[in-house]
Amino acid sequence: NSVALCPELNGDFIDLRQVITECEFTLFGFAAKSIQFQHFVETHKF
């Protein structure tokens, strides 16, 4: 919600479950942490 992606980028938003078998283990850990941290920020504004 806080960014505008460059239009020439080649990708899409994907449910994390769909890439759990493909993504490198360390990067998947960062992805998991990212979702949890962003969820925290969104649900603890007050």
ModelCIF file with pLDDT and N, C-alpha, C, O atoms, coordinates in Angstrom:
data_MODEL
#
_entry.id   MODEL 
#
_entity.id                         1 
_entity.type                       polymer 
_entity.pdbx_number_of_molecules   1 
#
_entity_poly.entity_id                      1 
_entity_poly.type                           'polypeptide(L)' 
_entity_poly.nstd_linkage                   no 
_entity_poly.nstd_monomer                   no 
_entity_poly.pdbx_seq_one_letter_code       NSVALCPELNGDFIDLRQVITECEFTLFGFAAKSIQFQHFVETHKF 
_entity_poly.pdbx_seq_one_letter_code_can   NSVALCPELNGDFIDLRQVITECEFTLFGFAAKSIQFQHFVETHKF 
_entity_poly.pdbx_strand_id                 A 
#
loop_
_entity_poly_seq.entity_id 
_entity_poly_seq.num 
_entity_poly_seq.mon_id 
_entity_poly_seq.hetero 
1 1  ASN n 
1 2  SER n 
1 3  VAL n 
1 4  ALA n 
1 5  LEU n 
1 6  CYS n 
1 7  PRO n 
1 8  GLU n 
1 9  LEU n 
1 10 ASN n 
1 11 GLY n 
1 12 ASP n 
1 13 PHE n 
1 14 ILE n 
1 15 ASP n 
1 16 LEU n 
1 17 ARG n 
1 18 GLN n 
1 19 VAL n 
1 20 ILE n 
1 21 THR n 
1 22 GLU n 
1 23 CYS n 
1 24 GLU n 
1 25 PHE n 
1 26 THR n 
1 27 LEU n 
1 28 PHE n 
1 29 GLY n 
1 30 PHE n 
1 31 ALA n 
1 32 ALA n 
1 33 LYS n 
1 34 SER n 
1 35 ILE n 
1 36 GLN n 
1 37 PHE n 
1 38 GLN n 
1 39 HIS n 
1 40 PHE n 
1 41 VAL n 
1 42 GLU n 
1 43 THR n 
1 44 HIS n 
1 45 LYS n 
1 46 PHE n 
#
_struct_asym.id          A 
_struct_asym.entity_id   1 
#
loop_
_ma_qa_metric.id 
_ma_qa_metric.mode 
_ma_qa_metric.name 
_ma_qa_metric.software_group_id 
_ma_qa_metric.type 
1 global pLDDT . pLDDT 
2 local  pLDDT . pLDDT 
#
_ma_qa_metric_global.metric_id      1 
_ma_qa_metric_global.metric_value   86.63 
_ma_qa_metric_global.model_id       1 
_ma_qa_metric_global.ordinal_id     1 
#
loop_
_ma_qa_metric_local.label_asym_id 
_ma_qa_metric_local.label_comp_id 
_ma_qa_metric_local.label_seq_id 
_ma_qa_metric_local.metric_id 
_ma_qa_metric_local.metric_value 
_ma_qa_metric_local.model_id 
_ma_qa_metric_local.ordinal_id 
A ASN 1  2 86.00 1 1  
A SER 2  2 83.00 1 2  
A VAL 3  2 84.00 1 3  
A ALA 4  2 86.00 1 4  
A LEU 5  2 89.00 1 5  
A CYS 6  2 90.00 1 6  
A PRO 7  2 88.00 1 7  
A GLU 8  2 88.00 1 8  
A LEU 9  2 90.00 1 9  
A ASN 10 2 90.00 1 10 
A GLY 11 2 92.00 1 11 
A ASP 12 2 93.00 1 12 
A PHE 13 2 94.00 1 13 
A ILE 14 2 90.00 1 14 
A ASP 15 2 88.00 1 15 
A LEU 16 2 83.00 1 16 
A ARG 17 2 80.00 1 17 
A GLN 18 2 80.00 1 18 
A VAL 19 2 77.00 1 19 
A ILE 20 2 77.00 1 20 
A THR 21 2 74.00 1 21 
A GLU 22 2 76.00 1 22 
A CYS 23 2 79.00 1 23 
A GLU 24 2 81.00 1 24 
A PHE 25 2 81.00 1 25 
A THR 26 2 87.00 1 26 
A LEU 27 2 88.00 1 27 
A PHE 28 2 86.00 1 28 
A GLY 29 2 87.00 1 29 
A PHE 30 2 90.00 1 30 
A ALA 31 2 90.00 1 31 
A ALA 32 2 87.00 1 32 
A LYS 33 2 89.00 1 33 
A SER 34 2 90.00 1 34 
A ILE 35 2 89.00 1 35 
A GLN 36 2 89.00 1 36 
A PHE 37 2 88.00 1 37 
A GLN 38 2 88.00 1 38 
A HIS 39 2 87.00 1 39 
A PHE 40 2 89.00 1 40 
A VAL 41 2 86.00 1 41 
A GLU 42 2 87.00 1 42 
A THR 43 2 90.00 1 43 
A HIS 44 2 91.00 1 44 
A LYS 45 2 92.00 1 45 
A PHE 46 2 96.00 1 46 
#
loop_
_atom_site.group_PDB 
_atom_site.id 
_atom_site.type_symbol 
_atom_site.label_atom_id 
_atom_site.label_alt_id 
_atom_site.label_comp_id 
_atom_site.label_asym_id 
_atom_site.label_entity_id 
_atom_site.label_seq_id 
_atom_site.pdbx_PDB_ins_code 
_atom_site.Cartn_x 
_atom_site.Cartn_y 
_atom_site.Cartn_z 
_atom_site.occupancy 
_atom_site.B_iso_or_equiv 
_atom_site.pdbx_formal_charge 
_atom_site.auth_seq_id 
_atom_site.auth_comp_id 
_atom_site.auth_asym_id 
_atom_site.auth_atom_id 
_atom_site.pdbx_PDB_model_num 
ATOM 1   N N  . ASN A 1 1  ? 0.810  -1.221  0.000   1.00 86.00 ? 1  ASN A N  1 
ATOM 2   C CA . ASN A 1 1  ? 0.000  0.000   0.000   1.00 86.00 ? 1  ASN A CA 1 
ATOM 3   C C  . ASN A 1 1  ? 0.843  1.271   0.000   1.00 86.00 ? 1  ASN A C  1 
ATOM 4   O O  . ASN A 1 1  ? 0.338  2.350   -0.307  1.00 86.00 ? 1  ASN A O  1 
ATOM 5   N N  . SER A 1 2  ? 2.126  1.148   0.343   1.00 83.00 ? 2  SER A N  1 
ATOM 6   C CA . SER A 1 2  ? 2.959  2.336   0.465   1.00 83.00 ? 2  SER A CA 1 
ATOM 7   C C  . SER A 1 2  ? 3.957  2.488   -0.679  1.00 83.00 ? 2  SER A C  1 
ATOM 8   O O  . SER A 1 2  ? 4.818  3.367   -0.632  1.00 83.00 ? 2  SER A O  1 
ATOM 9   N N  . VAL A 1 3  ? 3.852  1.640   -1.712  1.00 84.00 ? 3  VAL A N  1 
ATOM 10  C CA . VAL A 1 3  ? 4.800  1.723   -2.825  1.00 84.00 ? 3  VAL A CA 1 
ATOM 11  C C  . VAL A 1 3  ? 4.078  1.637   -4.167  1.00 84.00 ? 3  VAL A C  1 
ATOM 12  O O  . VAL A 1 3  ? 2.948  1.159   -4.263  1.00 84.00 ? 3  VAL A O  1 
ATOM 13  N N  . ALA A 1 4  ? 4.769  2.114   -5.193  1.00 86.00 ? 4  ALA A N  1 
ATOM 14  C CA . ALA A 1 4  ? 4.310  1.939   -6.571  1.00 86.00 ? 4  ALA A CA 1 
ATOM 15  C C  . ALA A 1 4  ? 5.431  1.230   -7.314  1.00 86.00 ? 4  ALA A C  1 
ATOM 16  O O  . ALA A 1 4  ? 6.510  1.790   -7.506  1.00 86.00 ? 4  ALA A O  1 
ATOM 17  N N  . LEU A 1 5  ? 5.171  -0.009  -7.734  1.00 89.00 ? 5  LEU A N  1 
ATOM 18  C CA . LEU A 1 5  ? 6.201  -0.799  -8.401  1.00 89.00 ? 5  LEU A CA 1 
ATOM 19  C C  . LEU A 1 5  ? 6.436  -0.301  -9.819  1.00 89.00 ? 5  LEU A C  1 
ATOM 20  O O  . LEU A 1 5  ? 5.505  0.146   -10.489 1.00 89.00 ? 5  LEU A O  1 
ATOM 21  N N  . CYS A 1 6  ? 7.674  -0.379  -10.271 1.00 90.00 ? 6  CYS A N  1 
ATOM 22  C CA . CYS A 1 6  ? 7.994  -0.015  -11.654 1.00 90.00 ? 6  CYS A CA 1 
ATOM 23  C C  . CYS A 1 6  ? 7.246  -0.948  -12.605 1.00 90.00 ? 6  CYS A C  1 
ATOM 24  O O  . CYS A 1 6  ? 7.275  -2.162  -12.403 1.00 90.00 ? 6  CYS A O  1 
ATOM 25  N N  . PRO A 1 7  ? 6.582  -0.428  -13.626 1.00 88.00 ? 7  PRO A N  1 
ATOM 26  C CA . PRO A 1 7  ? 5.731  -1.249  -14.498 1.00 88.00 ? 7  PRO A CA 1 
ATOM 27  C C  . PRO A 1 7  ? 6.489  -2.296  -15.301 1.00 88.00 ? 7  PRO A C  1 
ATOM 28  O O  . PRO A 1 7  ? 5.897  -3.293  -15.716 1.00 88.00 ? 7  PRO A O  1 
ATOM 29  N N  . GLU A 1 8  ? 7.796  -2.094  -15.531 1.00 88.00 ? 8  GLU A N  1 
ATOM 30  C CA . GLU A 1 8  ? 8.542  -3.068  -16.338 1.00 88.00 ? 8  GLU A CA 1 
ATOM 31  C C  . GLU A 1 8  ? 8.973  -4.304  -15.549 1.00 88.00 ? 8  GLU A C  1 
ATOM 32  O O  . GLU A 1 8  ? 9.535  -5.237  -16.122 1.00 88.00 ? 8  GLU A O  1 
ATOM 33  N N  . LEU A 1 9  ? 8.720  -4.318  -14.264 1.00 90.00 ? 9  LEU A N  1 
ATOM 34  C CA . LEU A 1 9  ? 9.082  -5.485  -13.457 1.00 90.00 ? 9  LEU A CA 1 
ATOM 35  C C  . LEU A 1 9  ? 8.219  -6.682  -13.861 1.00 90.00 ? 9  LEU A C  1 
ATOM 36  O O  . LEU A 1 9  ? 7.035  -6.533  -14.162 1.00 90.00 ? 9  LEU A O  1 
ATOM 37  N N  . ASN A 1 10 ? 8.830  -7.869  -13.865 1.00 90.00 ? 10 ASN A N  1 
ATOM 38  C CA . ASN A 1 10 ? 8.158  -9.083  -14.322 1.00 90.00 ? 10 ASN A CA 1 
ATOM 39  C C  . ASN A 1 10 ? 7.898  -10.004 -13.138 1.00 90.00 ? 10 ASN A C  1 
ATOM 40  O O  . ASN A 1 10 ? 8.760  -10.789 -12.742 1.00 90.00 ? 10 ASN A O  1 
ATOM 41  N N  . GLY A 1 11 ? 6.697  -9.896  -12.582 1.00 92.00 ? 11 GLY A N  1 
ATOM 42  C CA . GLY A 1 11 ? 6.358  -10.714 -11.430 1.00 92.00 ? 11 GLY A CA 1 
ATOM 43  C C  . GLY A 1 11 ? 4.918  -10.519 -11.030 1.00 92.00 ? 11 GLY A C  1 
ATOM 44  O O  . GLY A 1 11 ? 4.136  -9.900  -11.751 1.00 92.00 ? 11 GLY A O  1 
ATOM 45  N N  . ASP A 1 12 ? 4.565  -11.064 -9.844  1.00 93.00 ? 12 ASP A N  1 
ATOM 46  C CA . ASP A 1 12 ? 3.186  -10.957 -9.385  1.00 93.00 ? 12 ASP A CA 1 
ATOM 47  C C  . ASP A 1 12 ? 3.145  -11.266 -7.888  1.00 93.00 ? 12 ASP A C  1 
ATOM 48  O O  . ASP A 1 12 ? 4.102  -11.795 -7.323  1.00 93.00 ? 12 ASP A O  1 
ATOM 49  N N  . PHE A 1 13 ? 2.015  -10.925 -7.257  1.00 94.00 ? 13 PHE A N  1 
ATOM 50  C CA . PHE A 1 13 ? 1.815  -11.275 -5.857  1.00 94.00 ? 13 PHE A CA 1 
ATOM 51  C C  . PHE A 1 13 ? 1.341  -12.724 -5.769  1.00 94.00 ? 13 PHE A C  1 
ATOM 52  O O  . PHE A 1 13 ? 0.386  -13.115 -6.441  1.00 94.00 ? 13 PHE A O  1 
ATOM 53  N N  . ILE A 1 14 ? 2.013  -13.513 -4.939  1.00 90.00 ? 14 ILE A N  1 
ATOM 54  C CA . ILE A 1 14 ? 1.750  -14.943 -4.847  1.00 90.00 ? 14 ILE A CA 1 
ATOM 55  C C  . ILE A 1 14 ? 1.621  -15.342 -3.384  1.00 90.00 ? 14 ILE A C  1 
ATOM 56  O O  . ILE A 1 14 ? 2.381  -14.872 -2.538  1.00 90.00 ? 14 ILE A O  1 
ATOM 57  N N  . ASP A 1 15 ? 0.660  -16.207 -3.090  1.00 88.00 ? 15 ASP A N  1 
ATOM 58  C CA . ASP A 1 15 ? 0.517  -16.756 -1.742  1.00 88.00 ? 15 ASP A CA 1 
ATOM 59  C C  . ASP A 1 15 ? 1.794  -17.513 -1.384  1.00 88.00 ? 15 ASP A C  1 
ATOM 60  O O  . ASP A 1 15 ? 2.311  -18.299 -2.178  1.00 88.00 ? 15 ASP A O  1 
ATOM 61  N N  . LEU A 1 16 ? 2.290  -17.260 -0.177  1.00 83.00 ? 16 LEU A N  1 
ATOM 62  C CA . LEU A 1 16 ? 3.567  -17.837 0.231   1.00 83.00 ? 16 LEU A CA 1 
ATOM 63  C C  . LEU A 1 16 ? 3.571  -19.361 0.166   1.00 83.00 ? 16 LEU A C  1 
ATOM 64  O O  . LEU A 1 16 ? 4.616  -19.965 -0.076  1.00 83.00 ? 16 LEU A O  1 
ATOM 65  N N  . ARG A 1 17 ? 2.421  -19.984 0.377   1.00 80.00 ? 17 ARG A N  1 
ATOM 66  C CA . ARG A 1 17 ? 2.338  -21.445 0.329   1.00 80.00 ? 17 ARG A CA 1 
ATOM 67  C C  . ARG A 1 17 ? 2.711  -21.983 -1.057  1.00 80.00 ? 17 ARG A C  1 
ATOM 68  O O  . ARG A 1 17 ? 3.219  -23.098 -1.177  1.00 80.00 ? 17 ARG A O  1 
ATOM 69  N N  . GLN A 1 18 ? 2.459  -21.195 -2.089  1.00 80.00 ? 18 GLN A N  1 
ATOM 70  C CA . GLN A 1 18 ? 2.703  -21.674 -3.454  1.00 80.00 ? 18 GLN A CA 1 
ATOM 71  C C  . GLN A 1 18 ? 4.180  -21.752 -3.805  1.00 80.00 ? 18 GLN A C  1 
ATOM 72  O O  . GLN A 1 18 ? 4.556  -22.466 -4.736  1.00 80.00 ? 18 GLN A O  1 
ATOM 73  N N  . VAL A 1 19 ? 5.025  -21.028 -3.073  1.00 77.00 ? 19 VAL A N  1 
ATOM 74  C CA . VAL A 1 19 ? 6.449  -21.019 -3.411  1.00 77.00 ? 19 VAL A CA 1 
ATOM 75  C C  . VAL A 1 19 ? 7.299  -21.679 -2.336  1.00 77.00 ? 19 VAL A C  1 
ATOM 76  O O  . VAL A 1 19 ? 8.528  -21.642 -2.407  1.00 77.00 ? 19 VAL A O  1 
ATOM 77  N N  . ILE A 1 20 ? 6.657  -22.284 -1.339  1.00 77.00 ? 20 ILE A N  1 
ATOM 78  C CA . ILE A 1 20 ? 7.405  -22.857 -0.227  1.00 77.00 ? 20 ILE A CA 1 
ATOM 79  C C  . ILE A 1 20 ? 8.345  -23.969 -0.686  1.00 77.00 ? 20 ILE A C  1 
ATOM 80  O O  . ILE A 1 20 ? 9.387  -24.190 -0.070  1.00 77.00 ? 20 ILE A O  1 
ATOM 81  N N  . THR A 1 21 ? 7.991  -24.663 -1.749  1.00 74.00 ? 21 THR A N  1 
ATOM 82  C CA . THR A 1 21 ? 8.855  -25.734 -2.242  1.00 74.00 ? 21 THR A CA 1 
ATOM 83  C C  . THR A 1 21 ? 9.888  -25.246 -3.249  1.00 74.00 ? 21 THR A C  1 
ATOM 84  O O  . THR A 1 21 ? 10.801 -25.992 -3.605  1.00 74.00 ? 21 THR A O  1 
ATOM 85  N N  . GLU A 1 22 ? 9.760  -24.010 -3.711  1.00 76.00 ? 22 GLU A N  1 
ATOM 86  C CA . GLU A 1 22 ? 10.642 -23.492 -4.744  1.00 76.00 ? 22 GLU A CA 1 
ATOM 87  C C  . GLU A 1 22 ? 11.684 -22.509 -4.195  1.00 76.00 ? 22 GLU A C  1 
ATOM 88  O O  . GLU A 1 22 ? 12.833 -22.499 -4.635  1.00 76.00 ? 22 GLU A O  1 
ATOM 89  N N  . CYS A 1 23 ? 11.276 -21.707 -3.257  1.00 79.00 ? 23 CYS A N  1 
ATOM 90  C CA . CYS A 1 23 ? 12.128 -20.622 -2.755  1.00 79.00 ? 23 CYS A CA 1 
ATOM 91  C C  . CYS A 1 23 ? 13.270 -21.177 -1.907  1.00 79.00 ? 23 CYS A C  1 
ATOM 92  O O  . CYS A 1 23 ? 13.089 -22.128 -1.146  1.00 79.00 ? 23 CYS A O  1 
ATOM 93  N N  . GLU A 1 24 ? 14.433 -20.575 -2.047  1.00 81.00 ? 24 GLU A N  1 
ATOM 94  C CA . GLU A 1 24 ? 15.580 -20.931 -1.224  1.00 81.00 ? 24 GLU A CA 1 
ATOM 95  C C  . GLU A 1 24 ? 15.191 -20.849 0.249   1.00 81.00 ? 24 GLU A C  1 
ATOM 96  O O  . GLU A 1 24 ? 14.460 -19.945 0.654   1.00 81.00 ? 24 GLU A O  1 
ATOM 97  N N  . PHE A 1 25 ? 15.689 -21.808 1.059   1.00 81.00 ? 25 PHE A N  1 
ATOM 98  C CA . PHE A 1 25 ? 15.258 -21.931 2.448   1.00 81.00 ? 25 PHE A CA 1 
ATOM 99  C C  . PHE A 1 25 ? 15.449 -20.637 3.227   1.00 81.00 ? 25 PHE A C  1 
ATOM 100 O O  . PHE A 1 25 ? 14.546 -20.213 3.948   1.00 81.00 ? 25 PHE A O  1 
ATOM 101 N N  . THR A 1 26 ? 16.614 -20.002 3.091   1.00 87.00 ? 26 THR A N  1 
ATOM 102 C CA . THR A 1 26 ? 16.894 -18.775 3.843   1.00 87.00 ? 26 THR A CA 1 
ATOM 103 C C  . THR A 1 26 ? 15.969 -17.647 3.405   1.00 87.00 ? 26 THR A C  1 
ATOM 104 O O  . THR A 1 26 ? 15.451 -16.906 4.240   1.00 87.00 ? 26 THR A O  1 
ATOM 105 N N  . LEU A 1 27 ? 15.761 -17.515 2.092   1.00 88.00 ? 27 LEU A N  1 
ATOM 106 C CA . LEU A 1 27 ? 14.873 -16.464 1.597   1.00 88.00 ? 27 LEU A CA 1 
ATOM 107 C C  . LEU A 1 27 ? 13.425 -16.720 2.002   1.00 88.00 ? 27 LEU A C  1 
ATOM 108 O O  . LEU A 1 27 ? 12.678 -15.775 2.257   1.00 88.00 ? 27 LEU A O  1 
ATOM 109 N N  . PHE A 1 28 ? 13.024 -17.983 2.062   1.00 86.00 ? 28 PHE A N  1 
ATOM 110 C CA . PHE A 1 28 ? 11.673 -18.293 2.533   1.00 86.00 ? 28 PHE A CA 1 
ATOM 111 C C  . PHE A 1 28 ? 11.514 -17.849 3.981   1.00 86.00 ? 28 PHE A C  1 
ATOM 112 O O  . PHE A 1 28 ? 10.457 -17.352 4.368   1.00 86.00 ? 28 PHE A O  1 
ATOM 113 N N  . GLY A 1 29 ? 12.575 -18.031 4.791   1.00 87.00 ? 29 GLY A N  1 
ATOM 114 C CA . GLY A 1 29 ? 12.524 -17.571 6.169   1.00 87.00 ? 29 GLY A CA 1 
ATOM 115 C C  . GLY A 1 29 ? 12.316 -16.076 6.262   1.00 87.00 ? 29 GLY A C  1 
ATOM 116 O O  . GLY A 1 29 ? 11.557 -15.598 7.105   1.00 87.00 ? 29 GLY A O  1 
ATOM 117 N N  . PHE A 1 30 ? 12.997 -15.326 5.386   1.00 90.00 ? 30 PHE A N  1 
ATOM 118 C CA . PHE A 1 30 ? 12.812 -13.879 5.358   1.00 90.00 ? 30 PHE A CA 1 
ATOM 119 C C  . PHE A 1 30 ? 11.394 -13.527 4.904   1.00 90.00 ? 30 PHE A C  1 
ATOM 120 O O  . PHE A 1 30 ? 10.780 -12.601 5.435   1.00 90.00 ? 30 PHE A O  1 
ATOM 121 N N  . ALA A 1 31 ? 10.877 -14.269 3.922   1.00 90.00 ? 31 ALA A N  1 
ATOM 122 C CA . ALA A 1 31 ? 9.519  -14.017 3.435   1.00 90.00 ? 31 ALA A CA 1 
ATOM 123 C C  . ALA A 1 31 ? 8.499  -14.253 4.549   1.00 90.00 ? 31 ALA A C  1 
ATOM 124 O O  . ALA A 1 31 ? 7.556  -13.479 4.715   1.00 90.00 ? 31 ALA A O  1 
ATOM 125 N N  . ALA A 1 32 ? 8.698  -15.321 5.302   1.00 87.00 ? 32 ALA A N  1 
ATOM 126 C CA . ALA A 1 32 ? 7.805  -15.625 6.418   1.00 87.00 ? 32 ALA A CA 1 
ATOM 127 C C  . ALA A 1 32 ? 7.849  -14.515 7.458   1.00 87.00 ? 32 ALA A C  1 
ATOM 128 O O  . ALA A 1 32 ? 6.815  -14.074 7.959   1.00 87.00 ? 32 ALA A O  1 
ATOM 129 N N  . LYS A 1 33 ? 9.055  -14.071 7.774   1.00 89.00 ? 33 LYS A N  1 
ATOM 130 C CA . LYS A 1 33 ? 9.219  -12.994 8.753   1.00 89.00 ? 33 LYS A CA 1 
ATOM 131 C C  . LYS A 1 33 ? 8.582  -11.699 8.239   1.00 89.00 ? 33 LYS A C  1 
ATOM 132 O O  . LYS A 1 33 ? 7.973  -10.954 9.006   1.00 89.00 ? 33 LYS A O  1 
ATOM 133 N N  . SER A 1 34 ? 8.724  -11.440 6.951   1.00 90.00 ? 34 SER A N  1 
ATOM 134 C CA . SER A 1 34 ? 8.186  -10.225 6.369   1.00 90.00 ? 34 SER A CA 1 
ATOM 135 C C  . SER A 1 34 ? 6.671  -10.162 6.505   1.00 90.00 ? 34 SER A C  1 
ATOM 136 O O  . SER A 1 34 ? 6.125  -9.130  6.896   1.00 90.00 ? 34 SER A O  1 
ATOM 137 N N  . ILE A 1 35 ? 5.993  -11.253 6.187   1.00 89.00 ? 35 ILE A N  1 
ATOM 138 C CA . ILE A 1 35 ? 4.541  -11.290 6.295   1.00 89.00 ? 35 ILE A CA 1 
ATOM 139 C C  . ILE A 1 35 ? 4.099  -11.085 7.734   1.00 89.00 ? 35 ILE A C  1 
ATOM 140 O O  . ILE A 1 35 ? 3.156  -10.339 8.000   1.00 89.00 ? 35 ILE A O  1 
ATOM 141 N N  . GLN A 1 36 ? 4.782  -11.748 8.663   1.00 89.00 ? 36 GLN A N  1 
ATOM 142 C CA . GLN A 1 36 ? 4.401  -11.629 10.068  1.00 89.00 ? 36 GLN A CA 1 
ATOM 143 C C  . GLN A 1 36 ? 4.652  -10.218 10.607  1.00 89.00 ? 36 GLN A C  1 
ATOM 144 O O  . GLN A 1 36 ? 3.842  -9.694  11.371  1.00 89.00 ? 36 GLN A O  1 
ATOM 145 N N  . PHE A 1 37 ? 5.766  -9.606  10.212  1.00 88.00 ? 37 PHE A N  1 
ATOM 146 C CA . PHE A 1 37 ? 6.073  -8.255  10.683  1.00 88.00 ? 37 PHE A CA 1 
ATOM 147 C C  . PHE A 1 37 ? 5.097  -7.232  10.107  1.00 88.00 ? 37 PHE A C  1 
ATOM 148 O O  . PHE A 1 37 ? 4.644  -6.334  10.816  1.00 88.00 ? 37 PHE A O  1 
ATOM 149 N N  . GLN A 1 38 ? 4.774  -7.369  8.816   1.00 88.00 ? 38 GLN A N  1 
ATOM 150 C CA . GLN A 1 38 ? 3.828  -6.429  8.216   1.00 88.00 ? 38 GLN A CA 1 
ATOM 151 C C  . GLN A 1 38 ? 2.434  -6.587  8.827   1.00 88.00 ? 38 GLN A C  1 
ATOM 152 O O  . GLN A 1 38 ? 1.709  -5.608  9.008   1.00 88.00 ? 38 GLN A O  1 
ATOM 153 N N  . HIS A 1 39 ? 2.074  -7.825  9.139   1.00 87.00 ? 39 HIS A N  1 
ATOM 154 C CA . HIS A 1 39 ? 0.794  -8.068  9.800   1.00 87.00 ? 39 HIS A CA 1 
ATOM 155 C C  . HIS A 1 39 ? 0.780  -7.384  11.164  1.00 87.00 ? 39 HIS A C  1 
ATOM 156 O O  . HIS A 1 39 ? -0.235 -6.817  11.569  1.00 87.00 ? 39 HIS A O  1 
ATOM 157 N N  . PHE A 1 40 ? 1.899  -7.440  11.863  1.00 89.00 ? 40 PHE A N  1 
ATOM 158 C CA . PHE A 1 40 ? 1.998  -6.776  13.171  1.00 89.00 ? 40 PHE A CA 1 
ATOM 159 C C  . PHE A 1 40 ? 1.816  -5.264  13.033  1.00 89.00 ? 40 PHE A C  1 
ATOM 160 O O  . PHE A 1 40 ? 1.064  -4.655  13.795  1.00 89.00 ? 40 PHE A O  1 
ATOM 161 N N  . VAL A 1 41 ? 2.494  -4.667  12.072  1.00 86.00 ? 41 VAL A N  1 
ATOM 162 C CA . VAL A 1 41 ? 2.405  -3.217  11.879  1.00 86.00 ? 41 VAL A CA 1 
ATOM 163 C C  . VAL A 1 41 ? 0.967  -2.801  11.563  1.00 86.00 ? 41 VAL A C  1 
ATOM 164 O O  . VAL A 1 41 ? 0.478  -1.796  12.080  1.00 86.00 ? 41 VAL A O  1 
ATOM 165 N N  . GLU A 1 42 ? 0.289  -3.585  10.706  1.00 87.00 ? 42 GLU A N  1 
ATOM 166 C CA . GLU A 1 42 ? -1.069 -3.244  10.296  1.00 87.00 ? 42 GLU A CA 1 
ATOM 167 C C  . GLU A 1 42 ? -2.082 -3.409  11.419  1.00 87.00 ? 42 GLU A C  1 
ATOM 168 O O  . GLU A 1 42 ? -3.078 -2.688  11.456  1.00 87.00 ? 42 GLU A O  1 
ATOM 169 N N  . THR A 1 43 ? -1.848 -4.341  12.333  1.00 90.00 ? 43 THR A N  1 
ATOM 170 C CA . THR A 1 43 ? -2.842 -4.641  13.375  1.00 90.00 ? 43 THR A CA 1 
ATOM 171 C C  . THR A 1 43 ? -2.514 -4.009  14.725  1.00 90.00 ? 43 THR A C  1 
ATOM 172 O O  . THR A 1 43 ? -3.224 -4.235  15.705  1.00 90.00 ? 43 THR A O  1 
ATOM 173 N N  . HIS A 1 44 ? -1.439 -3.216  14.783  1.00 91.00 ? 44 HIS A N  1 
ATOM 174 C CA . HIS A 1 44 ? -1.088 -2.562  16.044  1.00 91.00 ? 44 HIS A CA 1 
ATOM 175 C C  . HIS A 1 44 ? -0.859 -1.063  15.847  1.00 91.00 ? 44 HIS A C  1 
ATOM 176 O O  . HIS A 1 44 ? 0.124  -0.501  16.329  1.00 91.00 ? 44 HIS A O  1 
ATOM 177 N N  . LYS A 1 45 ? -1.782 -0.436  15.135  1.00 92.00 ? 45 LYS A N  1 
ATOM 178 C CA . LYS A 1 45 ? -1.694 1.005   14.935  1.00 92.00 ? 45 LYS A CA 1 
ATOM 179 C C  . LYS A 1 45 ? -2.194 1.772   16.161  1.00 92.00 ? 45 LYS A C  1 
ATOM 180 O O  . LYS A 1 45 ? -1.818 2.920   16.399  1.00 92.00 ? 45 LYS A O  1 
ATOM 181 N N  . PHE A 1 46 ? -3.065 1.091   16.936  1.00 96.00 ? 46 PHE A N  1 
ATOM 182 C CA . PHE A 1 46 ? -3.628 1.734   18.122  1.00 96.00 ? 46 PHE A CA 1 
ATOM 183 C C  . PHE A 1 46 ? -3.443 0.831   19.339  1.00 96.00 ? 46 PHE A C  1 
ATOM 184 O O  . PHE A 1 46 ? -3.852 1.192   20.443  1.00 96.00 ? 46 PHE A O  1 
#
